[in-house]
Amino acid sequence: MEERIVVDPRVLRGKAVIKGTRIPVYLILELLAAGMSVEDILKEYPELKEEDIRAALEYASKLLKNEVVLPLEA
């Protein structure tokens, strides 16, 4: 994942993107959530590889896994 996802404040204000592109991780997730297949995404964005899409999913998973949830105060 580290080889495919980049966070650089000079690119899209530091949003996580696929290395060598300006395609943000969140866009890939939105496309998948909207029902696009991996094949459809690759056709729409030919600069991507299937490994990039898997890396985006892994990146999102790791962010959520490490998410801190605070209890609500009663």
Protein backbone atom coordinates (compact mmCIF):
# COMPACT_ATOMS: atom_id res chain seq x y z
CA MET A 1 0.00 0.00 0.00
CA GLU A 2 2.78 2.44 0.87
CA GLU A 3 4.16 2.08 -2.66
CA ARG A 4 0.84 3.11 -4.25
CA ILE A 5 -0.72 5.71 -1.92
CA VAL A 6 0.84 9.15 -1.38
CA VAL A 7 -0.08 11.95 0.99
CA ASP A 8 1.64 15.17 -0.09
CA PRO A 9 0.48 18.63 1.01
CA ARG A 10 1.36 19.92 -2.47
CA VAL A 11 -1.07 17.50 -4.17
CA LEU A 12 -4.81 17.95 -3.60
CA ARG A 13 -4.10 19.71 -0.31
CA GLY A 14 -2.65 16.58 1.24
CA LYS A 15 -5.48 14.20 0.39
CA ALA A 16 -4.39 10.60 -0.10
CA VAL A 17 -3.93 9.95 -3.83
CA ILE A 18 -2.73 7.14 -6.04
CA LYS A 19 0.98 7.68 -6.59
CA GLY A 20 1.78 9.45 -9.85
CA THR A 21 -1.80 10.69 -10.27
CA ARG A 22 -4.18 13.24 -8.83
CA ILE A 23 -6.80 10.55 -8.29
CA PRO A 24 -7.82 10.60 -4.63
CA VAL A 25 -8.44 7.45 -2.64
CA TYR A 26 -11.88 8.73 -1.66
CA LEU A 27 -12.92 8.88 -5.34
CA ILE A 28 -12.11 5.22 -5.84
CA LEU A 29 -14.12 4.34 -2.74
CA GLU A 30 -17.06 6.46 -3.93
CA LEU A 31 -17.02 4.77 -7.33
CA LEU A 32 -17.01 1.31 -5.77
CA ALA A 33 -19.78 2.30 -3.35
CA ALA A 34 -21.84 3.60 -6.30
CA GLY A 35 -21.68 0.15 -7.85
CA MET A 36 -18.88 0.53 -10.38
CA SER A 37 -16.85 -2.61 -10.89
CA VAL A 38 -13.08 -2.66 -10.73
CA GLU A 39 -13.09 -3.25 -14.48
CA ASP A 40 -15.29 -0.18 -15.06
CA ILE A 41 -13.00 2.00 -12.94
CA LEU A 42 -9.95 0.77 -14.83
CA LYS A 43 -11.64 1.62 -18.13
CA GLU A 44 -12.59 5.09 -16.88
CA TYR A 45 -9.11 5.73 -15.43
CA PRO A 46 -6.65 3.80 -17.60
CA GLU A 47 -3.69 5.14 -15.62
CA LEU A 48 -4.82 3.01 -12.67
CA LYS A 49 -3.99 -0.62 -12.06
CA GLU A 50 -6.03 -3.15 -10.11
CA GLU A 51 -3.36 -3.01 -7.39
CA ASP A 52 -4.10 0.72 -6.97
CA ILE A 53 -7.74 -0.02 -6.22
CA ARG A 54 -6.78 -2.70 -3.71
CA ALA A 55 -4.33 -0.28 -2.09
CA ALA A 56 -7.09 2.33 -1.78
CA LEU A 57 -9.31 -0.19 0.00
CA GLU A 58 -6.47 -1.23 2.29
CA TYR A 59 -5.67 2.41 3.08
CA ALA A 60 -9.29 3.14 4.02
CA SER A 61 -9.49 -0.04 6.09
CA LYS A 62 -6.37 0.87 8.08
CA LEU A 63 -7.68 4.38 8.73
CA LEU A 64 -10.95 3.02 10.09
CA LYS A 65 -9.24 0.28 12.07
CA ASN A 66 -7.23 2.88 13.94
CA GLU A 67 -10.18 5.25 14.39
CA VAL A 68 -10.69 6.40 17.96
CA VAL A 69 -14.28 6.36 19.12
CA LEU A 70 -15.04 8.48 22.16
CA PRO A 71 -18.01 7.65 24.36
CA LEU A 72 -20.86 10.12 24.50
CA GLU A 73 -21.18 11.94 27.76
CA ALA A 74 -24.41 11.14 29.55
